[in-house]
Amino acid sequence: MDIIHKIGRRKTSVARIYLSEGKGEITVNKRPIEEYFTTGTLQYKVNQPFELTETVGKYNVNVNVYGGGITGQAEAIRLAISRALCDIDEENRTALKPEGLLTRDPRMVERKKFGQKKARKKFQFSKR
């Protein structure tokens, strides 16, 4: 098996992953996953596709991720890994699709409008 390259996005985060056969090592921006994502929740999000497809420890993942916050980055990595696992074996799709891991979440930050404080918040109104 050669290296599989996939892209995942979430909000303004973009994750490029390179998946290859190995011992299950995940490096994010040239650092181990435990060092980059310190909370267990974020580590779980990244490992979720492997757990659902029962492929924990079979693949090495090298990730380049930029933009957004750490939660958006973790979810972008999750999408990219899910897409790569479906590329390897079409059977993985049946496990990942019901969990919503193959869907690109389209929600973005709403833009600020002129004449307003934020996207929806207005400046304080004074009648007199």
N, C-alpha and C. Protein backbone atom coordinates (compact mmCIF):
# COMPACT_ATOMS: atom_id res chain seq x y z
N MET A 1 0.84 -1.19 0.00
CA MET A 1 0.00 0.00 0.00
C MET A 1 0.88 1.25 0.00
N ASP A 2 0.55 2.16 -0.87
CA ASP A 2 1.32 3.41 -0.91
C ASP A 2 0.66 4.45 -0.01
N ILE A 3 1.22 5.64 0.04
CA ILE A 3 0.71 6.70 0.92
C ILE A 3 -0.55 7.31 0.31
N ILE A 4 -1.59 7.44 1.14
CA ILE A 4 -2.85 8.04 0.69
C ILE A 4 -2.92 9.47 1.23
N HIS A 5 -3.20 10.41 0.34
CA HIS A 5 -3.28 11.83 0.71
C HIS A 5 -4.72 12.28 0.61
N LYS A 6 -5.26 12.84 1.70
CA LYS A 6 -6.64 13.35 1.72
C LYS A 6 -6.69 14.68 2.46
N ILE A 7 -7.75 15.45 2.19
CA ILE A 7 -7.94 16.76 2.81
C ILE A 7 -9.27 16.78 3.54
N GLY A 8 -9.26 17.37 4.75
CA GLY A 8 -10.48 17.56 5.52
C GLY A 8 -10.57 19.01 5.96
N ARG A 9 -11.79 19.55 5.99
CA ARG A 9 -11.98 20.94 6.39
C ARG A 9 -13.08 21.05 7.43
N ARG A 10 -12.96 22.07 8.30
CA ARG A 10 -13.99 22.39 9.28
C ARG A 10 -13.81 23.84 9.67
N LYS A 11 -14.85 24.66 9.55
CA LYS A 11 -14.77 26.10 9.77
C LYS A 11 -13.65 26.67 8.92
N THR A 12 -12.60 27.21 9.51
CA THR A 12 -11.49 27.74 8.70
C THR A 12 -10.25 26.86 8.78
N SER A 13 -10.38 25.67 9.35
CA SER A 13 -9.26 24.74 9.48
C SER A 13 -9.15 23.85 8.25
N VAL A 14 -7.93 23.61 7.82
CA VAL A 14 -7.67 22.71 6.70
C VAL A 14 -6.62 21.70 7.15
N ALA A 15 -6.96 20.41 7.02
CA ALA A 15 -6.04 19.34 7.42
C ALA A 15 -5.68 18.50 6.21
N ARG A 16 -4.38 18.34 5.97
CA ARG A 16 -3.89 17.45 4.92
C ARG A 16 -3.25 16.26 5.63
N ILE A 17 -3.74 15.06 5.33
CA ILE A 17 -3.20 13.86 5.98
C ILE A 17 -2.52 12.96 4.96
N TYR A 18 -1.52 12.25 5.44
CA TYR A 18 -0.81 11.27 4.64
C TYR A 18 -0.87 9.95 5.42
N LEU A 19 -1.68 9.00 4.95
CA LEU A 19 -1.94 7.76 5.66
C LEU A 19 -1.12 6.63 5.02
N SER A 20 -0.40 5.89 5.85
CA SER A 20 0.38 4.76 5.37
C SER A 20 0.32 3.64 6.40
N GLU A 21 0.63 2.42 5.97
CA GLU A 21 0.61 1.29 6.90
C GLU A 21 1.71 1.46 7.93
N GLY A 22 1.41 1.08 9.18
CA GLY A 22 2.40 1.23 10.24
C GLY A 22 1.90 0.73 11.57
N LYS A 23 2.39 1.37 12.64
CA LYS A 23 2.10 0.94 14.01
C LYS A 23 1.03 1.78 14.70
N GLY A 24 0.42 2.72 14.01
CA GLY A 24 -0.61 3.55 14.62
C GLY A 24 -0.10 4.86 15.17
N GLU A 25 1.05 5.33 14.69
CA GLU A 25 1.60 6.60 15.16
C GLU A 25 0.93 7.75 14.41
N ILE A 26 0.48 8.75 15.18
CA ILE A 26 -0.15 9.93 14.59
C ILE A 26 0.68 11.15 14.95
N THR A 27 1.19 11.86 13.93
CA THR A 27 1.94 13.09 14.16
C THR A 27 1.19 14.25 13.54
N VAL A 28 1.01 15.31 14.33
CA VAL A 28 0.31 16.51 13.88
C VAL A 28 1.31 17.65 13.87
N ASN A 29 1.55 18.25 12.72
CA ASN A 29 2.53 19.33 12.56
C ASN A 29 3.88 18.96 13.18
N LYS A 30 4.36 17.76 12.86
CA LYS A 30 5.65 17.21 13.30
C LYS A 30 5.75 17.03 14.81
N ARG A 31 4.60 16.92 15.50
CA ARG A 31 4.58 16.64 16.94
C ARG A 31 3.64 15.47 17.19
N PRO A 32 3.89 14.66 18.23
CA PRO A 32 2.96 13.56 18.53
C PRO A 32 1.58 14.11 18.90
N ILE A 33 0.55 13.30 18.67
CA ILE A 33 -0.83 13.74 18.91
C ILE A 33 -1.06 14.12 20.36
N GLU A 34 -0.41 13.41 21.31
CA GLU A 34 -0.61 13.70 22.73
C GLU A 34 -0.07 15.08 23.10
N GLU A 35 0.94 15.51 22.36
CA GLU A 35 1.55 16.81 22.62
C GLU A 35 0.75 17.95 21.97
N TYR A 36 0.18 17.67 20.78
CA TYR A 36 -0.56 18.72 20.05
C TYR A 36 -1.96 18.90 20.62
N PHE A 37 -2.70 17.77 20.77
CA PHE A 37 -4.05 17.81 21.36
C PHE A 37 -3.94 17.27 22.78
N THR A 38 -3.94 18.20 23.74
CA THR A 38 -3.68 17.80 25.14
C THR A 38 -4.89 17.17 25.81
N THR A 39 -6.12 17.53 25.40
CA THR A 39 -7.30 16.98 26.07
C THR A 39 -7.70 15.64 25.45
N GLY A 40 -8.28 14.80 26.27
CA GLY A 40 -8.71 13.48 25.81
C GLY A 40 -9.83 13.54 24.79
N THR A 41 -10.68 14.56 24.90
CA THR A 41 -11.80 14.70 23.97
C THR A 41 -11.31 14.90 22.55
N LEU A 42 -10.32 15.76 22.38
CA LEU A 42 -9.79 16.04 21.04
C LEU A 42 -9.05 14.82 20.48
N GLN A 43 -8.32 14.10 21.34
CA GLN A 43 -7.63 12.89 20.90
C GLN A 43 -8.64 11.82 20.49
N TYR A 44 -9.76 11.75 21.22
CA TYR A 44 -10.82 10.80 20.88
C TYR A 44 -11.42 11.13 19.51
N LYS A 45 -11.63 12.43 19.24
CA LYS A 45 -12.20 12.85 17.95
C LYS A 45 -11.31 12.42 16.80
N VAL A 46 -9.99 12.57 16.97
CA VAL A 46 -9.06 12.20 15.91
C VAL A 46 -9.03 10.68 15.71
N ASN A 47 -9.11 9.91 16.81
CA ASN A 47 -9.03 8.44 16.73
C ASN A 47 -10.36 7.77 16.43
N GLN A 48 -11.46 8.52 16.45
CA GLN A 48 -12.80 7.95 16.28
C GLN A 48 -12.96 7.11 15.00
N PRO A 49 -12.49 7.57 13.83
CA PRO A 49 -12.65 6.73 12.63
C PRO A 49 -11.96 5.38 12.73
N PHE A 50 -10.78 5.34 13.38
CA PHE A 50 -10.06 4.08 13.55
C PHE A 50 -10.83 3.13 14.46
N GLU A 51 -11.44 3.68 15.54
CA GLU A 51 -12.18 2.84 16.48
C GLU A 51 -13.43 2.28 15.83
N LEU A 52 -14.13 3.08 15.04
CA LEU A 52 -15.36 2.62 14.40
C LEU A 52 -15.09 1.55 13.34
N THR A 53 -13.97 1.66 12.65
CA THR A 53 -13.63 0.69 11.60
C THR A 53 -12.73 -0.44 12.10
N GLU A 54 -12.42 -0.42 13.40
CA GLU A 54 -11.59 -1.44 14.05
C GLU A 54 -10.22 -1.57 13.37
N THR A 55 -9.60 -0.42 13.10
CA THR A 55 -8.27 -0.40 12.49
C THR A 55 -7.27 0.35 13.37
N VAL A 56 -7.48 0.32 14.69
CA VAL A 56 -6.57 1.01 15.61
C VAL A 56 -5.21 0.34 15.57
N GLY A 57 -4.16 1.14 15.36
CA GLY A 57 -2.79 0.63 15.35
C GLY A 57 -2.34 0.03 14.03
N LYS A 58 -3.12 0.18 12.97
CA LYS A 58 -2.74 -0.39 11.68
C LYS A 58 -2.10 0.62 10.74
N TYR A 59 -2.38 1.91 10.97
CA TYR A 59 -1.92 2.94 10.03
C TYR A 59 -1.18 4.05 10.76
N ASN A 60 -0.13 4.56 10.12
CA ASN A 60 0.55 5.76 10.58
C ASN A 60 -0.07 6.95 9.85
N VAL A 61 -0.26 8.05 10.58
CA VAL A 61 -0.86 9.24 9.99
C VAL A 61 0.06 10.42 10.23
N ASN A 62 0.41 11.10 9.15
CA ASN A 62 1.18 12.33 9.23
C ASN A 62 0.25 13.47 8.81
N VAL A 63 0.07 14.46 9.69
CA VAL A 63 -0.93 15.50 9.46
C VAL A 63 -0.27 16.88 9.39
N ASN A 64 -0.67 17.68 8.40
CA ASN A 64 -0.35 19.10 8.36
C ASN A 64 -1.68 19.83 8.48
N VAL A 65 -1.83 20.61 9.53
CA VAL A 65 -3.10 21.31 9.75
C VAL A 65 -2.83 22.77 10.08
N TYR A 66 -3.68 23.64 9.55
CA TYR A 66 -3.54 25.07 9.83
C TYR A 66 -4.91 25.73 9.81
N GLY A 67 -4.99 26.90 10.44
CA GLY A 67 -6.22 27.68 10.46
C GLY A 67 -7.15 27.25 11.58
N GLY A 68 -7.98 28.20 12.03
CA GLY A 68 -9.00 27.89 13.03
C GLY A 68 -8.45 27.60 14.41
N GLY A 69 -9.29 27.01 15.25
CA GLY A 69 -8.90 26.63 16.61
C GLY A 69 -8.64 25.14 16.69
N ILE A 70 -8.33 24.66 17.90
CA ILE A 70 -7.94 23.25 18.03
C ILE A 70 -9.11 22.30 17.81
N THR A 71 -10.32 22.70 18.19
CA THR A 71 -11.49 21.82 17.98
C THR A 71 -11.78 21.68 16.49
N GLY A 72 -11.76 22.78 15.76
CA GLY A 72 -11.97 22.74 14.32
C GLY A 72 -10.89 21.93 13.63
N GLN A 73 -9.66 22.04 14.11
CA GLN A 73 -8.56 21.28 13.53
C GLN A 73 -8.73 19.79 13.77
N ALA A 74 -9.15 19.42 14.98
CA ALA A 74 -9.36 18.00 15.29
C ALA A 74 -10.47 17.42 14.42
N GLU A 75 -11.55 18.18 14.20
CA GLU A 75 -12.65 17.69 13.38
C GLU A 75 -12.27 17.65 11.91
N ALA A 76 -11.39 18.54 11.47
CA ALA A 76 -10.90 18.50 10.09
C ALA A 76 -10.04 17.26 9.86
N ILE A 77 -9.22 16.94 10.85
CA ILE A 77 -8.38 15.73 10.76
C ILE A 77 -9.27 14.49 10.73
N ARG A 78 -10.32 14.48 11.56
CA ARG A 78 -11.25 13.35 11.61
C ARG A 78 -11.90 13.10 10.25
N LEU A 79 -12.32 14.16 9.58
CA LEU A 79 -12.94 14.03 8.26
C LEU A 79 -11.95 13.47 7.24
N ALA A 80 -10.72 13.98 7.27
CA ALA A 80 -9.71 13.52 6.32
C ALA A 80 -9.37 12.04 6.53
N ILE A 81 -9.26 11.62 7.80
CA ILE A 81 -8.97 10.21 8.10
C ILE A 81 -10.12 9.32 7.64
N SER A 82 -11.35 9.78 7.87
CA SER A 82 -12.52 9.01 7.44
C SER A 82 -12.54 8.84 5.93
N ARG A 83 -12.22 9.90 5.20
CA ARG A 83 -12.18 9.83 3.74
C ARG A 83 -11.10 8.86 3.27
N ALA A 84 -9.94 8.87 3.95
CA ALA A 84 -8.84 7.97 3.57
C ALA A 84 -9.20 6.51 3.84
N LEU A 85 -9.86 6.24 4.96
CA LEU A 85 -10.25 4.87 5.30
C LEU A 85 -11.28 4.33 4.30
N CYS A 86 -12.15 5.20 3.81
CA CYS A 86 -13.12 4.79 2.78
C CYS A 86 -12.42 4.51 1.46
N ASP A 87 -11.34 5.22 1.20
CA ASP A 87 -10.56 5.02 -0.01
C ASP A 87 -9.85 3.66 0.02
N ILE A 88 -9.41 3.26 1.22
CA ILE A 88 -8.71 1.98 1.39
C ILE A 88 -9.69 0.82 1.20
N ASP A 89 -10.82 0.88 1.93
CA ASP A 89 -11.80 -0.20 1.88
C ASP A 89 -13.20 0.40 1.89
N GLU A 90 -13.99 0.08 0.87
CA GLU A 90 -15.35 0.63 0.75
C GLU A 90 -16.27 0.11 1.86
N GLU A 91 -15.90 -0.99 2.51
CA GLU A 91 -16.69 -1.54 3.62
C GLU A 91 -16.70 -0.59 4.82
N ASN A 92 -15.65 0.22 4.97
CA ASN A 92 -15.56 1.16 6.09
C ASN A 92 -16.65 2.22 6.02
N ARG A 93 -17.17 2.48 4.82
CA ARG A 93 -18.20 3.49 4.62
C ARG A 93 -19.45 3.18 5.44
N THR A 94 -19.81 1.90 5.55
CA THR A 94 -21.02 1.51 6.28
C THR A 94 -20.90 1.80 7.78
N ALA A 95 -19.67 1.80 8.31
CA ALA A 95 -19.46 2.10 9.73
C ALA A 95 -19.38 3.61 9.98
N LEU A 96 -18.80 4.35 9.02
CA LEU A 96 -18.55 5.78 9.23
C LEU A 96 -19.74 6.67 8.86
N LYS A 97 -20.50 6.29 7.84
CA LYS A 97 -21.59 7.13 7.34
C LYS A 97 -22.69 7.39 8.39
N PRO A 98 -23.17 6.38 9.12
CA PRO A 98 -24.23 6.65 10.12
C PRO A 98 -23.78 7.57 11.25
N GLU A 99 -22.49 7.60 11.55
CA GLU A 99 -21.95 8.46 12.61
C GLU A 99 -21.74 9.89 12.13
N GLY A 100 -21.91 10.13 10.83
CA GLY A 100 -21.76 11.48 10.27
C GLY A 100 -20.32 11.91 10.08
N LEU A 101 -19.40 10.96 9.98
CA LEU A 101 -17.98 11.31 9.86
C LEU A 101 -17.55 11.59 8.42
N LEU A 102 -18.42 11.33 7.46
CA LEU A 102 -18.08 11.59 6.07
C LEU A 102 -18.73 12.86 5.55
N THR A 103 -19.42 13.57 6.43
CA THR A 103 -20.12 14.79 6.04
C THR A 103 -19.27 16.00 6.39
N ARG A 104 -19.07 16.88 5.42
CA ARG A 104 -18.35 18.14 5.65
C ARG A 104 -19.32 19.10 6.33
N ASP A 105 -19.01 19.52 7.55
CA ASP A 105 -19.88 20.42 8.30
C ASP A 105 -19.78 21.82 7.69
N PRO A 106 -20.88 22.35 7.12
CA PRO A 106 -20.79 23.61 6.38
C PRO A 106 -20.88 24.86 7.25
N ARG A 107 -21.11 24.69 8.55
CA ARG A 107 -21.32 25.87 9.40
C ARG A 107 -20.06 26.71 9.53
N MET A 108 -20.18 27.99 9.20
CA MET A 108 -19.06 28.92 9.29
C MET A 108 -19.51 30.11 10.14
N VAL A 109 -18.55 30.94 10.51
CA VAL A 109 -18.86 32.14 11.27
C VAL A 109 -19.56 33.14 10.35
N GLU A 110 -20.66 33.70 10.83
CA GLU A 110 -21.40 34.68 10.04
C GLU A 110 -20.64 36.00 10.02
N ARG A 111 -20.64 36.65 8.88
CA ARG A 111 -19.86 37.87 8.73
C ARG A 111 -20.51 39.02 9.49
N LYS A 112 -19.66 39.98 9.90
CA LYS A 112 -20.12 41.19 10.58
C LYS A 112 -20.71 42.12 9.53
N LYS A 113 -21.86 42.72 9.86
CA LYS A 113 -22.49 43.66 8.94
C LYS A 113 -22.17 45.09 9.35
N PHE A 114 -22.11 45.98 8.36
CA PHE A 114 -21.83 47.39 8.63
C PHE A 114 -23.02 48.00 9.36
N GLY A 115 -22.75 49.00 10.21
CA GLY A 115 -23.82 49.62 10.99
C GLY A 115 -24.27 48.79 12.17
N GLN A 116 -23.57 47.67 12.42
CA GLN A 116 -23.89 46.81 13.56
C GLN A 116 -22.61 46.50 14.32
N LYS A 117 -22.81 46.06 15.59
CA LYS A 117 -21.66 45.77 16.45
C LYS A 117 -21.00 44.45 16.04
N LYS A 118 -21.83 43.43 15.78
CA LYS A 118 -21.35 42.11 15.36
C LYS A 118 -22.26 41.61 14.24
N ALA A 119 -22.30 40.31 14.03
CA ALA A 119 -23.10 39.77 12.93
C ALA A 119 -24.59 40.07 13.13
N ARG A 120 -25.08 39.89 14.36
CA ARG A 120 -26.50 40.13 14.62
C ARG A 120 -26.74 41.17 15.70
N LYS A 121 -25.74 41.38 16.57
CA LYS A 121 -25.89 42.35 17.65
C LYS A 121 -25.84 43.77 17.08
N LYS A 122 -26.76 44.61 17.57
CA LYS A 122 -26.81 46.00 17.10
C LYS A 122 -26.15 46.91 18.10
N PHE A 123 -25.84 48.13 17.65
CA PHE A 123 -25.39 49.15 18.59
C PHE A 123 -26.56 49.54 19.49
N GLN A 124 -26.26 50.02 20.69
CA GLN A 124 -27.33 50.38 21.64
C GLN A 124 -28.18 51.50 21.05
N PHE A 125 -29.49 51.31 21.14
CA PHE A 125 -30.43 52.29 20.59
C PHE A 125 -30.83 53.31 21.65
N SER A 126 -30.75 54.56 21.31
CA SER A 126 -31.15 55.63 22.23
C SER A 126 -32.23 56.45 21.56
N LYS A 127 -33.40 56.50 22.21
CA LYS A 127 -34.52 57.22 21.62
C LYS A 127 -34.30 58.73 21.75
N ARG A 128 -33.70 59.17 22.86
CA ARG A 128 -33.47 60.62 23.07
C ARG A 128 -32.00 60.89 23.33
